Amino acid sequence: MPQLNPAPWLAILVFSWLVFLIVIPPKVMAHSFPNEPTPQSTEKPKGEPWNWPWH
């Protein structure tokens, strides 16, 4: 049975992992986002208690 020969499948596996680990990450990390997030203030907003009549 030719599908049990591990030689071509091992080479395909190693080559695909090399592509995933060496070629793709720099391409993904080169993208820049048009809207960079701005840091928000660490102050908590003041909340007013509700005074609804519950009857």
PDB file of N, CA and C in Angstrom:
ATOM      1  N   MET A   1       0.837  -1.183   0.000  1.00  0.00           N
ATOM      2  CA  MET A   1       0.000   0.000   0.000  1.00  0.00           C
ATOM      3  C   MET A   1       0.885   1.251   0.000  1.00  0.00           C
ATOM      4  N   PRO A   2       0.773   2.093  -0.995  1.00  0.00           N
ATOM      5  CA  PRO A   2       1.662   3.248  -1.090  1.00  0.00           C
ATOM      6  C   PRO A   2       1.357   4.340  -0.052  1.00  0.00           C
ATOM      7  N   GLN A   3       0.125   4.396   0.474  1.00  0.00           N
ATOM      8  CA  GLN A   3      -0.183   5.463   1.421  1.00  0.00           C
ATOM      9  C   GLN A   3       0.482   5.233   2.778  1.00  0.00           C
ATOM     10  N   LEU A   4       1.054   4.057   3.006  1.00  0.00           N
ATOM     11  CA  LEU A   4       1.732   3.794   4.265  1.00  0.00           C
ATOM     12  C   LEU A   4       3.197   4.191   4.227  1.00  0.00           C
ATOM     13  N   ASN A   5       3.684   4.656   3.084  1.00  0.00           N
ATOM     14  CA  ASN A   5       5.067   5.099   2.980  1.00  0.00           C
ATOM     15  C   ASN A   5       5.168   6.477   3.641  1.00  0.00           C
ATOM     16  N   PRO A   6       5.916   6.618   4.745  1.00  0.00           N
ATOM     17  CA  PRO A   6       5.916   7.891   5.469  1.00  0.00           C
ATOM     18  C   PRO A   6       6.820   8.966   4.861  1.00  0.00           C
ATOM     19  N   ALA A   7       7.634   8.622   3.897  1.00  0.00           N
ATOM     20  CA  ALA A   7       8.613   9.575   3.396  1.00  0.00           C
ATOM     21  C   ALA A   7       7.971  10.842   2.805  1.00  0.00           C
ATOM     22  N   PRO A   8       7.027  10.770   1.861  1.00  0.00           N
ATOM     23  CA  PRO A   8       6.496  12.036   1.323  1.00  0.00           C
ATOM     24  C   PRO A   8       5.643  12.792   2.347  1.00  0.00           C
ATOM     25  N   TRP A   9       4.919  12.081   3.199  1.00  0.00           N
ATOM     26  CA  TRP A   9       4.040  12.748   4.155  1.00  0.00           C
ATOM     27  C   TRP A   9       4.840  13.439   5.248  1.00  0.00           C
ATOM     28  N   LEU A  10       5.945  12.854   5.637  1.00  0.00           N
ATOM     29  CA  LEU A  10       6.790  13.505   6.624  1.00  0.00           C
ATOM     30  C   LEU A  10       7.392  14.790   6.055  1.00  0.00           C
ATOM     31  N   ALA A  11       7.821  14.751   4.801  1.00  0.00           N
ATOM     32  CA  ALA A  11       8.371  15.949   4.173  1.00  0.00           C
ATOM     33  C   ALA A  11       7.299  17.036   4.038  1.00  0.00           C
ATOM     34  N   ILE A  12       6.092  16.647   3.692  1.00  0.00           N
ATOM     35  CA  ILE A  12       4.994  17.620   3.577  1.00  0.00           C
ATOM     36  C   ILE A  12       4.681  18.220   4.942  1.00  0.00           C
ATOM     37  N   LEU A  13       4.675  17.391   5.981  1.00  0.00           N
ATOM     38  CA  LEU A  13       4.405  17.882   7.324  1.00  0.00           C
ATOM     39  C   LEU A  13       5.479  18.863   7.781  1.00  0.00           C
ATOM     40  N   VAL A  14       6.733  18.517   7.571  1.00  0.00           N
ATOM     41  CA  VAL A  14       7.824  19.396   7.991  1.00  0.00           C
ATOM     42  C   VAL A  14       7.798  20.699   7.201  1.00  0.00           C
ATOM     43  N   PHE A  15       7.577  20.626   5.909  1.00  0.00           N
ATOM     44  CA  PHE A  15       7.550  21.839   5.086  1.00  0.00           C
ATOM     45  C   PHE A  15       6.380  22.747   5.462  1.00  0.00           C
ATOM     46  N   SER A  16       5.218  22.148   5.733  1.00  0.00           N
ATOM     47  CA  SER A  16       4.064  22.972   6.100  1.00  0.00           C
ATOM     48  C   SER A  16       4.293  23.657   7.446  1.00  0.00           C
ATOM     49  N   TRP A  17       4.930  22.971   8.412  1.00  0.00           N
ATOM     50  CA  TRP A  17       5.224  23.612   9.688  1.00  0.00           C
ATOM     51  C   TRP A  17       6.284  24.698   9.532  1.00  0.00           C
ATOM     52  N   LEU A  18       7.225  24.494   8.643  1.00  0.00           N
ATOM     53  CA  LEU A  18       8.194  25.558   8.393  1.00  0.00           C
ATOM     54  C   LEU A  18       7.516  26.797   7.828  1.00  0.00           C
ATOM     55  N   VAL A  19       6.569  26.591   6.937  1.00  0.00           N
ATOM     56  CA  VAL A  19       5.823  27.721   6.379  1.00  0.00           C
ATOM     57  C   VAL A  19       5.032  28.412   7.481  1.00  0.00           C
ATOM     58  N   PHE A  20       4.352  27.626   8.328  1.00  0.00           N
ATOM     59  CA  PHE A  20       3.549  28.215   9.390  1.00  0.00           C
ATOM     60  C   PHE A  20       4.397  28.968  10.407  1.00  0.00           C
ATOM     61  N   LEU A  21       5.589  28.485  10.701  1.00  0.00           N
ATOM     62  CA  LEU A  21       6.390  29.082  11.757  1.00  0.00           C
ATOM     63  C   LEU A  21       7.369  30.153  11.280  1.00  0.00           C
ATOM     64  N   ILE A  22       7.734  30.158  10.007  1.00  0.00           N
ATOM     65  CA  ILE A  22       8.745  31.095   9.523  1.00  0.00           C
ATOM     66  C   ILE A  22       8.163  32.128   8.565  1.00  0.00           C
ATOM     67  N   VAL A  23       7.320  31.730   7.658  1.00  0.00           N
ATOM     68  CA  VAL A  23       6.848  32.640   6.606  1.00  0.00           C
ATOM     69  C   VAL A  23       5.631  33.448   7.050  1.00  0.00           C
ATOM     70  N   ILE A  24       4.666  32.822   7.687  1.00  0.00           N
ATOM     71  CA  ILE A  24       3.394  33.484   7.969  1.00  0.00           C
ATOM     72  C   ILE A  24       3.473  34.506   9.116  1.00  0.00           C
ATOM     73  N   PRO A  25       4.142  34.240  10.252  1.00  0.00           N
ATOM     74  CA  PRO A  25       4.117  35.236  11.339  1.00  0.00           C
ATOM     75  C   PRO A  25       4.634  36.621  10.963  1.00  0.00           C
ATOM     76  N   PRO A  26       5.727  36.786  10.224  1.00  0.00           N
ATOM     77  CA  PRO A  26       6.111  38.158   9.860  1.00  0.00           C
ATOM     78  C   PRO A  26       5.070  38.857   8.982  1.00  0.00           C
ATOM     79  N   LYS A  27       4.403  38.108   8.116  1.00  0.00           N
ATOM     80  CA  LYS A  27       3.383  38.714   7.272  1.00  0.00           C
ATOM     81  C   LYS A  27       2.192  39.182   8.109  1.00  0.00           C
ATOM     82  N   VAL A  28       1.820  38.396   9.112  1.00  0.00           N
ATOM     83  CA  VAL A  28       0.696  38.774   9.953  1.00  0.00           C
ATOM     84  C   VAL A  28       1.068  39.950  10.847  1.00  0.00           C
ATOM     85  N   MET A  29       2.274  39.936  11.397  1.00  0.00           N
ATOM     86  CA  MET A  29       2.685  41.002  12.309  1.00  0.00           C
ATOM     87  C   MET A  29       2.972  42.317  11.576  1.00  0.00           C
ATOM     88  N   ALA A  30       3.115  42.285  10.261  1.00  0.00           N
ATOM     89  CA  ALA A  30       3.374  43.508   9.495  1.00  0.00           C
ATOM     90  C   ALA A  30       2.115  44.346   9.301  1.00  0.00           C
ATOM     91  N   HIS A  31       0.939  43.779   9.556  1.00  0.00           N
ATOM     92  CA  HIS A  31      -0.296  44.536   9.397  1.00  0.00           C
ATOM     93  C   HIS A  31      -0.402  45.589  10.489  1.00  0.00           C
ATOM     94  N   SER A  32      -0.892  46.741  10.108  1.00  0.00           N
ATOM     95  CA  SER A  32      -1.136  47.788  11.094  1.00  0.00           C
ATOM     96  C   SER A  32      -2.628  48.116  11.088  1.00  0.00           C
ATOM     97  N   PHE A  33      -3.114  48.472  12.239  1.00  0.00           N
ATOM     98  CA  PHE A  33      -4.520  48.794  12.358  1.00  0.00           C
ATOM     99  C   PHE A  33      -4.706  50.289  12.149  1.00  0.00           C
ATOM    100  N   PRO A  34      -5.709  50.716  11.393  1.00  0.00           N
ATOM    101  CA  PRO A  34      -5.872  52.135  11.117  1.00  0.00           C
ATOM    102  C   PRO A  34      -6.271  52.935  12.358  1.00  0.00           C
ATOM    103  N   ASN A  35      -6.998  52.332  13.261  1.00  0.00           N
ATOM    104  CA  ASN A  35      -7.448  53.036  14.465  1.00  0.00           C
ATOM    105  C   ASN A  35      -6.756  52.429  15.673  1.00  0.00           C
ATOM    106  N   GLU A  36      -5.676  53.045  16.088  1.00  0.00           N
ATOM    107  CA  GLU A  36      -4.987  52.564  17.277  1.00  0.00           C
ATOM    108  C   GLU A  36      -5.825  52.913  18.505  1.00  0.00           C
ATOM    109  N   PRO A  37      -5.943  51.998  19.450  1.00  0.00           N
ATOM    110  CA  PRO A  37      -6.755  52.309  20.637  1.00  0.00           C
ATOM    111  C   PRO A  37      -6.082  53.373  21.500  1.00  0.00           C
ATOM    112  N   THR A  38      -6.874  54.299  21.981  1.00  0.00           N
ATOM    113  CA  THR A  38      -6.341  55.337  22.853  1.00  0.00           C
ATOM    114  C   THR A  38      -6.565  54.917  24.299  1.00  0.00           C
ATOM    115  N   PRO A  39      -5.611  55.162  25.165  1.00  0.00           N
ATOM    116  CA  PRO A  39      -5.800  54.762  26.566  1.00  0.00           C
ATOM    117  C   PRO A  39      -6.881  55.605  27.235  1.00  0.00           C
ATOM    118  N   GLN A  40      -7.757  54.928  27.914  1.00  0.00           N
ATOM    119  CA  GLN A  40      -8.829  55.609  28.631  1.00  0.00           C
ATOM    120  C   GLN A  40      -8.350  55.989  30.021  1.00  0.00           C
ATOM    121  N   SER A  41      -9.032  56.909  30.631  1.00  0.00           N
ATOM    122  CA  SER A  41      -8.651  57.307  31.984  1.00  0.00           C
ATOM    123  C   SER A  41      -8.998  56.180  32.955  1.00  0.00           C
ATOM    124  N   THR A  42      -8.220  56.061  34.005  1.00  0.00           N
ATOM    125  CA  THR A  42      -8.455  55.005  34.982  1.00  0.00           C
ATOM    126  C   THR A  42      -9.476  55.427  36.022  1.00  0.00           C
ATOM    127  N   GLU A  43      -9.985  56.662  35.917  1.00  0.00           N
ATOM    128  CA  GLU A  43     -10.990  57.135  36.850  1.00  0.00           C
ATOM    129  C   GLU A  43     -12.316  56.450  36.578  1.00  0.00           C
ATOM    130  N   LYS A  44     -12.962  56.018  37.640  1.00  0.00           N
ATOM    131  CA  LYS A  44     -14.256  55.368  37.494  1.00  0.00           C
ATOM    132  C   LYS A  44     -15.329  56.438  37.289  1.00  0.00           C
ATOM    133  N   PRO A  45     -16.243  56.267  36.343  1.00  0.00           N
ATOM    134  CA  PRO A  45     -17.287  57.285  36.174  1.00  0.00           C
ATOM    135  C   PRO A  45     -18.212  57.310  37.396  1.00  0.00           C
ATOM    136  N   LYS A  46     -18.637  58.506  37.760  1.00  0.00           N
ATOM    137  CA  LYS A  46     -19.519  58.647  38.926  1.00  0.00           C
ATOM    138  C   LYS A  46     -20.933  58.270  38.514  1.00  0.00           C
ATOM    139  N   GLY A  47     -21.472  57.294  39.195  1.00  0.00           N
ATOM    140  CA  GLY A  47     -22.835  56.860  38.909  1.00  0.00           C
ATOM    141  C   GLY A  47     -23.807  57.447  39.902  1.00  0.00           C
ATOM    142  N   GLU A  48     -24.917  57.893  39.400  1.00  0.00           N
ATOM    143  CA  GLU A  48     -25.948  58.447  40.276  1.00  0.00           C
ATOM    144  C   GLU A  48     -26.961  57.341  40.563  1.00  0.00           C
ATOM    145  N   PRO A  49     -27.413  57.235  41.818  1.00  0.00           N
ATOM    146  CA  PRO A  49     -28.416  56.195  42.123  1.00  0.00           C
ATOM    147  C   PRO A  49     -29.756  56.553  41.483  1.00  0.00           C
ATOM    148  N   TRP A  50     -30.452  55.507  41.100  1.00  0.00           N
ATOM    149  CA  TRP A  50     -31.772  55.722  40.500  1.00  0.00           C
ATOM    150  C   TRP A  50     -32.785  55.970  41.601  1.00  0.00           C
ATOM    151  N   ASN A  51     -33.684  56.880  41.344  1.00  0.00           N
ATOM    152  CA  ASN A  51     -34.749  57.150  42.328  1.00  0.00           C
ATOM    153  C   ASN A  51     -36.110  56.879  41.706  1.00  0.00           C
ATOM    154  N   TRP A  52     -36.278  55.692  41.168  1.00  0.00           N
ATOM    155  CA  TRP A  52     -37.536  55.336  40.540  1.00  0.00           C
ATOM    156  C   TRP A  52     -38.510  54.846  41.611  1.00  0.00           C
ATOM    157  N   PRO A  53     -39.761  55.205  41.458  1.00  0.00           N
ATOM    158  CA  PRO A  53     -40.761  54.611  42.375  1.00  0.00           C
ATOM    159  C   PRO A  53     -41.055  53.171  41.920  1.00  0.00           C
ATOM    160  N   TRP A  54     -40.938  52.229  42.825  1.00  0.00           N
ATOM    161  CA  TRP A  54     -41.086  50.815  42.468  1.00  0.00           C
ATOM    162  C   TRP A  54     -42.461  50.283  42.852  1.00  0.00           C
ATOM    163  N   HIS A  55     -43.469  51.112  42.888  1.00  0.00           N
ATOM    164  CA  HIS A  55     -44.803  50.631  43.217  1.00  0.00           C
ATOM    165  C   HIS A  55     -45.794  50.948  42.143  1.00  0.00           C
TER     166      HIS A  55
END
